[in-house]
């Protein structure tokens, strides 16, 4: 769900928490995992970090999945 929200537009951790109905701490833990996997990137804007999907990583993962599933 977090990635789906970020595909629509960049959001800060608090906005993600509000939309998902979870704590900011929970979102922060998930964002750390997604950052480590290079699925999201953050950019500092004022006091907040806004996160967005890393499209290059998604494209790379899609190619890998297509090769695995379709044998291309």
PDB file of N, CA and C in Angstrom:
ATOM      1  N   UNK A   1       0.828  -1.193   0.000  1.00  0.00           N
ATOM      2  CA  UNK A   1       0.000   0.000   0.000  1.00  0.00           C
ATOM      3  C   UNK A   1       0.867   1.250   0.000  1.00  0.00           C
ATOM      4  N   UNK A   2       1.964   1.200   0.722  1.00  0.00           N
ATOM      5  CA  UNK A   2       2.842   2.355   0.797  1.00  0.00           C
ATOM      6  C   UNK A   2       3.405   2.698  -0.583  1.00  0.00           C
ATOM      7  N   UNK A   3       3.862   1.700  -1.298  1.00  0.00           N
ATOM      8  CA  UNK A   3       4.393   1.940  -2.640  1.00  0.00           C
ATOM      9  C   UNK A   3       3.316   2.455  -3.586  1.00  0.00           C
ATOM     10  N   UNK A   4       2.102   1.946  -3.456  1.00  0.00           N
ATOM     11  CA  UNK A   4       1.017   2.420  -4.311  1.00  0.00           C
ATOM     12  C   UNK A   4       0.734   3.900  -4.077  1.00  0.00           C
ATOM     13  N   UNK A   5       0.762   4.321  -2.818  1.00  0.00           N
ATOM     14  CA  UNK A   5       0.563   5.744  -2.518  1.00  0.00           C
ATOM     15  C   UNK A   5       1.689   6.589  -3.100  1.00  0.00           C
ATOM     16  N   UNK A   6       2.915   6.086  -2.972  1.00  0.00           N
ATOM     17  CA  UNK A   6       4.055   6.849  -3.460  1.00  0.00           C
ATOM     18  C   UNK A   6       4.147   6.853  -4.980  1.00  0.00           C
ATOM     19  N   UNK A   7       3.527   5.886  -5.638  1.00  0.00           N
ATOM     20  CA  UNK A   7       3.491   5.913  -7.096  1.00  0.00           C
ATOM     21  C   UNK A   7       2.657   7.087  -7.586  1.00  0.00           C
ATOM     22  N   UNK A   8       1.646   7.469  -6.812  1.00  0.00           N
ATOM     23  CA  UNK A   8       0.770   8.580  -7.199  1.00  0.00           C
ATOM     24  C   UNK A   8       1.484   9.921  -7.101  1.00  0.00           C
ATOM     25  N   UNK A   9       2.222  10.107  -5.987  1.00  0.00           N
ATOM     26  CA  UNK A   9       2.937  11.363  -5.769  1.00  0.00           C
ATOM     27  C   UNK A   9       3.838  11.245  -4.552  1.00  0.00           C
ATOM     28  N   UNK A  10       4.875  12.073  -4.470  1.00  0.00           N
ATOM     29  CA  UNK A  10       5.744  12.061  -3.285  1.00  0.00           C
ATOM     30  C   UNK A  10       4.978  12.499  -2.039  1.00  0.00           C
ATOM     31  N   UNK A  11       5.269  11.851  -0.927  1.00  0.00           N
ATOM     32  CA  UNK A  11       4.626  12.185   0.347  1.00  0.00           C
ATOM     33  C   UNK A  11       5.640  12.078   1.479  1.00  0.00           C
ATOM     34  N   UNK A  12       5.410  12.838   2.538  1.00  0.00           N
ATOM     35  CA  UNK A  12       6.257  12.736   3.723  1.00  0.00           C
ATOM     36  C   UNK A  12       5.743  11.599   4.610  1.00  0.00           C
ATOM     37  N   UNK A  13       6.546  11.223   5.573  1.00  0.00           N
ATOM     38  CA  UNK A  13       6.196  10.119   6.464  1.00  0.00           C
ATOM     39  C   UNK A  13       4.901  10.345   7.220  1.00  0.00           C
ATOM     40  N   UNK A  14       4.662  11.566   7.686  1.00  0.00           N
ATOM     41  CA  UNK A  14       3.432  11.851   8.430  1.00  0.00           C
ATOM     42  C   UNK A  14       2.197  11.729   7.541  1.00  0.00           C
ATOM     43  N   UNK A  15       2.295  12.187   6.310  1.00  0.00           N
ATOM     44  CA  UNK A  15       1.171  12.067   5.382  1.00  0.00           C
ATOM     45  C   UNK A  15       0.899  10.601   5.068  1.00  0.00           C
ATOM     46  N   UNK A  16       1.947   9.818   4.912  1.00  0.00           N
ATOM     47  CA  UNK A  16       1.774   8.385   4.672  1.00  0.00           C
ATOM     48  C   UNK A  16       1.092   7.721   5.867  1.00  0.00           C
ATOM     49  N   UNK A  17       1.534   8.070   7.068  1.00  0.00           N
ATOM     50  CA  UNK A  17       0.953   7.488   8.283  1.00  0.00           C
ATOM     51  C   UNK A  17      -0.535   7.811   8.374  1.00  0.00           C
ATOM     52  N   UNK A  18      -0.892   9.046   8.093  1.00  0.00           N
ATOM     53  CA  UNK A  18      -2.296   9.455   8.160  1.00  0.00           C
ATOM     54  C   UNK A  18      -3.138   8.698   7.137  1.00  0.00           C
ATOM     55  N   UNK A  19      -2.627   8.561   5.930  1.00  0.00           N
ATOM     56  CA  UNK A  19      -3.389   7.863   4.883  1.00  0.00           C
ATOM     57  C   UNK A  19      -3.523   6.367   5.161  1.00  0.00           C
ATOM     58  N   UNK A  20      -2.509   5.794   5.817  1.00  0.00           N
ATOM     59  CA  UNK A  20      -2.526   4.356   6.092  1.00  0.00           C
ATOM     60  C   UNK A  20      -3.160   4.012   7.435  1.00  0.00           C
ATOM     61  N   UNK A  21      -3.360   5.021   8.271  1.00  0.00           N
ATOM     62  CA  UNK A  21      -3.950   4.771   9.584  1.00  0.00           C
ATOM     63  C   UNK A  21      -3.018   4.046  10.532  1.00  0.00           C
ATOM     64  N   UNK A  22      -1.721   4.324  10.414  1.00  0.00           N
ATOM     65  CA  UNK A  22      -0.722   3.722  11.299  1.00  0.00           C
ATOM     66  C   UNK A  22       0.136   4.841  11.884  1.00  0.00           C
ATOM     67  N   UNK A  23       1.019   4.482  12.793  1.00  0.00           N
ATOM     68  CA  UNK A  23       1.866   5.493  13.417  1.00  0.00           C
ATOM     69  C   UNK A  23       2.993   5.907  12.476  1.00  0.00           C
ATOM     70  N   UNK A  24       3.512   7.098  12.717  1.00  0.00           N
ATOM     71  CA  UNK A  24       4.655   7.578  11.942  1.00  0.00           C
ATOM     72  C   UNK A  24       5.862   6.671  12.170  1.00  0.00           C
ATOM     73  N   UNK A  25       5.983   6.118  13.369  1.00  0.00           N
ATOM     74  CA  UNK A  25       7.093   5.209  13.661  1.00  0.00           C
ATOM     75  C   UNK A  25       7.000   3.948  12.807  1.00  0.00           C
ATOM     76  N   UNK A  26       5.802   3.427  12.629  1.00  0.00           N
ATOM     77  CA  UNK A  26       5.619   2.230  11.793  1.00  0.00           C
ATOM     78  C   UNK A  26       5.983   2.538  10.348  1.00  0.00           C
ATOM     79  N   UNK A  27       5.538   3.688   9.848  1.00  0.00           N
ATOM     80  CA  UNK A  27       5.862   4.089   8.482  1.00  0.00           C
ATOM     81  C   UNK A  27       7.369   4.246   8.338  1.00  0.00           C
ATOM     82  N   UNK A  28       8.004   4.836   9.324  1.00  0.00           N
ATOM     83  CA  UNK A  28       9.446   5.046   9.289  1.00  0.00           C
ATOM     84  C   UNK A  28      10.197   3.722   9.153  1.00  0.00           C
ATOM     85  N   UNK A  29       9.753   2.709   9.885  1.00  0.00           N
ATOM     86  CA  UNK A  29      10.399   1.391   9.800  1.00  0.00           C
ATOM     87  C   UNK A  29      10.247   0.801   8.407  1.00  0.00           C
ATOM     88  N   UNK A  30       9.069   0.920   7.838  1.00  0.00           N
ATOM     89  CA  UNK A  30       8.835   0.384   6.494  1.00  0.00           C
ATOM     90  C   UNK A  30       9.626   1.169   5.449  1.00  0.00           C
ATOM     91  N   UNK A  31       9.686   2.485   5.606  1.00  0.00           N
ATOM     92  CA  UNK A  31      10.446   3.299   4.665  1.00  0.00           C
ATOM     93  C   UNK A  31      11.928   2.947   4.707  1.00  0.00           C
ATOM     94  N   UNK A  32      12.439   2.622   5.891  1.00  0.00           N
ATOM     95  CA  UNK A  32      13.846   2.226   6.002  1.00  0.00           C
ATOM     96  C   UNK A  32      14.111   0.973   5.176  1.00  0.00           C
ATOM     97  N   UNK A  33      13.216   0.002   5.262  1.00  0.00           N
ATOM     98  CA  UNK A  33      13.365  -1.232   4.492  1.00  0.00           C
ATOM     99  C   UNK A  33      13.285  -0.931   2.994  1.00  0.00           C
ATOM    100  N   UNK A  34      12.346  -0.096   2.608  1.00  0.00           N
ATOM    101  CA  UNK A  34      12.190   0.257   1.197  1.00  0.00           C
ATOM    102  C   UNK A  34      13.378   1.063   0.681  1.00  0.00           C
ATOM    103  N   UNK A  35      13.936   1.936   1.527  1.00  0.00           N
ATOM    104  CA  UNK A  35      15.144   2.679   1.134  1.00  0.00           C
ATOM    105  C   UNK A  35      16.322   1.729   0.966  1.00  0.00           C
ATOM    106  N   UNK A  36      16.487   0.804   1.917  1.00  0.00           N
ATOM    107  CA  UNK A  36      17.582  -0.166   1.834  1.00  0.00           C
ATOM    108  C   UNK A  36      17.481  -1.006   0.564  1.00  0.00           C
ATOM    109  N   UNK A  37      16.261  -1.290   0.119  1.00  0.00           N
ATOM    110  CA  UNK A  37      16.036  -2.055  -1.111  1.00  0.00           C
ATOM    111  C   UNK A  37      16.075  -1.156  -2.348  1.00  0.00           C
ATOM    112  N   UNK A  38      16.319   0.134  -2.145  1.00  0.00           N
ATOM    113  CA  UNK A  38      16.360   1.141  -3.202  1.00  0.00           C
ATOM    114  C   UNK A  38      15.041   1.275  -3.960  1.00  0.00           C
ATOM    115  N   UNK A  39      13.932   0.952  -3.290  1.00  0.00           N
ATOM    116  CA  UNK A  39      12.612   1.092  -3.901  1.00  0.00           C
ATOM    117  C   UNK A  39      12.046   2.492  -3.744  1.00  0.00           C
ATOM    118  N   UNK A  40      12.492   3.218  -2.722  1.00  0.00           N
ATOM    119  CA  UNK A  40      12.073   4.606  -2.545  1.00  0.00           C
ATOM    120  C   UNK A  40      13.303   5.468  -2.289  1.00  0.00           C
ATOM    121  N   UNK A  41      13.181   6.725  -2.634  1.00  0.00           N
ATOM    122  CA  UNK A  41      14.215   7.714  -2.349  1.00  0.00           C
ATOM    123  C   UNK A  41      13.552   8.908  -1.682  1.00  0.00           C
ATOM    124  N   UNK A  42      14.293   9.558  -0.818  1.00  0.00           N
ATOM    125  CA  UNK A  42      13.760  10.704  -0.106  1.00  0.00           C
ATOM    126  C   UNK A  42      14.521  11.966  -0.455  1.00  0.00           C
ATOM    127  N   UNK A  43      13.812  13.081  -0.391  1.00  0.00           N
ATOM    128  CA  UNK A  43      14.452  14.382  -0.591  1.00  0.00           C
ATOM    129  C   UNK A  43      13.938  15.329   0.481  1.00  0.00           C
ATOM    130  N   UNK A  44      14.865  16.025   1.098  1.00  0.00           N
ATOM    131  CA  UNK A  44      14.543  16.944   2.185  1.00  0.00           C
ATOM    132  C   UNK A  44      13.869  18.180   1.604  1.00  0.00           C
ATOM    133  N   UNK A  45      12.709  18.516   2.165  1.00  0.00           N
ATOM    134  CA  UNK A  45      11.985  19.726   1.773  1.00  0.00           C
ATOM    135  C   UNK A  45      11.555  20.429   3.047  1.00  0.00           C
ATOM    136  N   UNK A  46      12.325  21.431   3.422  1.00  0.00           N
ATOM    137  CA  UNK A  46      12.060  22.113   4.681  1.00  0.00           C
ATOM    138  C   UNK A  46      12.360  21.190   5.846  1.00  0.00           C
ATOM    139  N   UNK A  47      11.380  21.018   6.730  1.00  0.00           N
ATOM    140  CA  UNK A  47      11.553  20.151   7.891  1.00  0.00           C
ATOM    141  C   UNK A  47      11.281  18.685   7.579  1.00  0.00           C
ATOM    142  N   UNK A  48      10.735  18.411   6.427  1.00  0.00           N
ATOM    143  CA  UNK A  48      10.260  17.068   6.116  1.00  0.00           C
ATOM    144  C   UNK A  48      11.055  16.419   4.993  1.00  0.00           C
ATOM    145  N   UNK A  49      11.049  15.092   5.000  1.00  0.00           N
ATOM    146  CA  UNK A  49      11.604  14.322   3.888  1.00  0.00           C
ATOM    147  C   UNK A  49      10.420  13.771   3.109  1.00  0.00           C
ATOM    148  N   UNK A  50      10.369  14.077   1.838  1.00  0.00           N
ATOM    149  CA  UNK A  50       9.323  13.563   0.961  1.00  0.00           C
ATOM    150  C   UNK A  50       9.889  12.371   0.196  1.00  0.00           C
ATOM    151  N   UNK A  51       9.131  11.288   0.196  1.00  0.00           N
ATOM    152  CA  UNK A  51       9.578  10.053  -0.433  1.00  0.00           C
ATOM    153  C   UNK A  51       8.844   9.844  -1.741  1.00  0.00           C
ATOM    154  N   UNK A  52       9.549   9.231  -2.687  1.00  0.00           N
ATOM    155  CA  UNK A  52       8.956   8.882  -3.972  1.00  0.00           C
ATOM    156  C   UNK A  52       9.476   7.514  -4.373  1.00  0.00           C
ATOM    157  N   UNK A  53       8.764   6.877  -5.266  1.00  0.00           N
ATOM    158  CA  UNK A  53       9.168   5.573  -5.774  1.00  0.00           C
ATOM    159  C   UNK A  53      10.398   5.755  -6.661  1.00  0.00           C
ATOM    160  N   UNK A  54      11.334   4.841  -6.538  1.00  0.00           N
ATOM    161  CA  UNK A  54      12.510   4.841  -7.400  1.00  0.00           C
ATOM    162  C   UNK A  54      12.151   4.050  -8.654  1.00  0.00           C
ATOM    163  N   UNK A  55      11.757   4.769  -9.688  1.00  0.00           N
ATOM    164  CA  UNK A  55      11.260   4.145 -10.917  1.00  0.00           C
ATOM    165  C   UNK A  55      12.314   3.257 -11.572  1.00  0.00           C
ATOM    166  N   UNK A  56      13.575   3.638 -11.485  1.00  0.00           N
ATOM    167  CA  UNK A  56      14.639   2.834 -12.099  1.00  0.00           C
ATOM    168  C   UNK A  56      14.714   1.455 -11.452  1.00  0.00           C
ATOM    169  N   UNK A  57      14.595   1.395 -10.142  1.00  0.00           N
ATOM    170  CA  UNK A  57      14.626   0.106  -9.452  1.00  0.00           C
ATOM    171  C   UNK A  57      13.410  -0.730  -9.823  1.00  0.00           C
ATOM    172  N   UNK A  58      12.243  -0.113  -9.896  1.00  0.00           N
ATOM    173  CA  UNK A  58      11.048  -0.864 -10.280  1.00  0.00           C
ATOM    174  C   UNK A  58      11.170  -1.432 -11.684  1.00  0.00           C
ATOM    175  N   UNK A  59      11.725  -0.641 -12.596  1.00  0.00           N
ATOM    176  CA  UNK A  59      11.930  -1.146 -13.963  1.00  0.00           C
ATOM    177  C   UNK A  59      12.895  -2.327 -13.957  1.00  0.00           C
ATOM    178  N   UNK A  60      13.970  -2.223 -13.203  1.00  0.00           N
ATOM    179  CA  UNK A  60      14.955  -3.310 -13.123  1.00  0.00           C
ATOM    180  C   UNK A  60      14.320  -4.562 -12.545  1.00  0.00           C
ATOM    181  N   UNK A  61      13.543  -4.414 -11.463  1.00  0.00           N
ATOM    182  CA  UNK A  61      12.882  -5.569 -10.841  1.00  0.00           C
ATOM    183  C   UNK A  61      11.861  -6.180 -11.797  1.00  0.00           C
ATOM    184  N   UNK A  62      11.172  -5.332 -12.573  1.00  0.00           N
ATOM    185  CA  UNK A  62      10.186  -5.856 -13.524  1.00  0.00           C
ATOM    186  C   UNK A  62      10.857  -6.695 -14.604  1.00  0.00           C
ATOM    187  N   UNK A  63      11.990  -6.192 -15.117  1.00  0.00           N
ATOM    188  CA  UNK A  63      12.727  -6.965 -16.123  1.00  0.00           C
ATOM    189  C   UNK A  63      13.168  -8.308 -15.561  1.00  0.00           C
ATOM    190  N   UNK A  64      13.660  -8.307 -14.327  1.00  0.00           N
ATOM    191  CA  UNK A  64      14.087  -9.558 -13.697  1.00  0.00           C
ATOM    192  C   UNK A  64      12.922 -10.522 -13.535  1.00  0.00           C
ATOM    193  N   UNK A  65      11.768 -10.005 -13.084  1.00  0.00           N
ATOM    194  CA  UNK A  65      10.579 -10.844 -12.906  1.00  0.00           C
ATOM    195  C   UNK A  65      10.080 -11.376 -14.245  1.00  0.00           C
ATOM    196  N   UNK A  66      10.078 -10.523 -15.274  1.00  0.00           N
ATOM    197  CA  UNK A  66       9.659 -10.965 -16.603  1.00  0.00           C
ATOM    198  C   UNK A  66      10.568 -12.064 -17.119  1.00  0.00           C
ATOM    199  N   UNK A  67      11.861 -11.901 -16.933  1.00  0.00           N
ATOM    200  CA  UNK A  67      12.807 -12.934 -17.378  1.00  0.00           C
ATOM    201  C   UNK A  67      12.591 -14.236 -16.626  1.00  0.00           C
ATOM    202  N   UNK A  68      12.323 -14.139 -15.355  1.00  0.00           N
ATOM    203  CA  UNK A  68      12.103 -15.335 -14.544  1.00  0.00           C
ATOM    204  C   UNK A  68      10.801 -16.034 -14.925  1.00  0.00           C
ATOM    205  N   UNK A  69       9.730 -15.262 -15.089  1.00  0.00           N
ATOM    206  CA  UNK A  69       8.410 -15.838 -15.327  1.00  0.00           C
ATOM    207  C   UNK A  69       8.143 -16.175 -16.791  1.00  0.00           C
ATOM    208  N   UNK A  70       8.696 -15.366 -17.681  1.00  0.00           N
ATOM    209  CA  UNK A  70       8.404 -15.540 -19.103  1.00  0.00           C
ATOM    210  C   UNK A  70       9.568 -16.141 -19.884  1.00  0.00           C
ATOM    211  N   UNK A  71      10.723 -16.187 -19.275  1.00  0.00           N
ATOM    212  CA  UNK A  71      11.872 -16.771 -19.920  1.00  0.00           C
ATOM    213  C   UNK A  71      12.460 -15.939 -21.037  1.00  0.00           C
ATOM    214  N   UNK A  72      12.189 -14.631 -21.043  1.00  0.00           N
ATOM    215  CA  UNK A  72      12.722 -13.755 -22.112  1.00  0.00           C
ATOM    216  C   UNK A  72      14.141 -13.353 -21.813  1.00  0.00           C
TER     217      UNK A  72
END
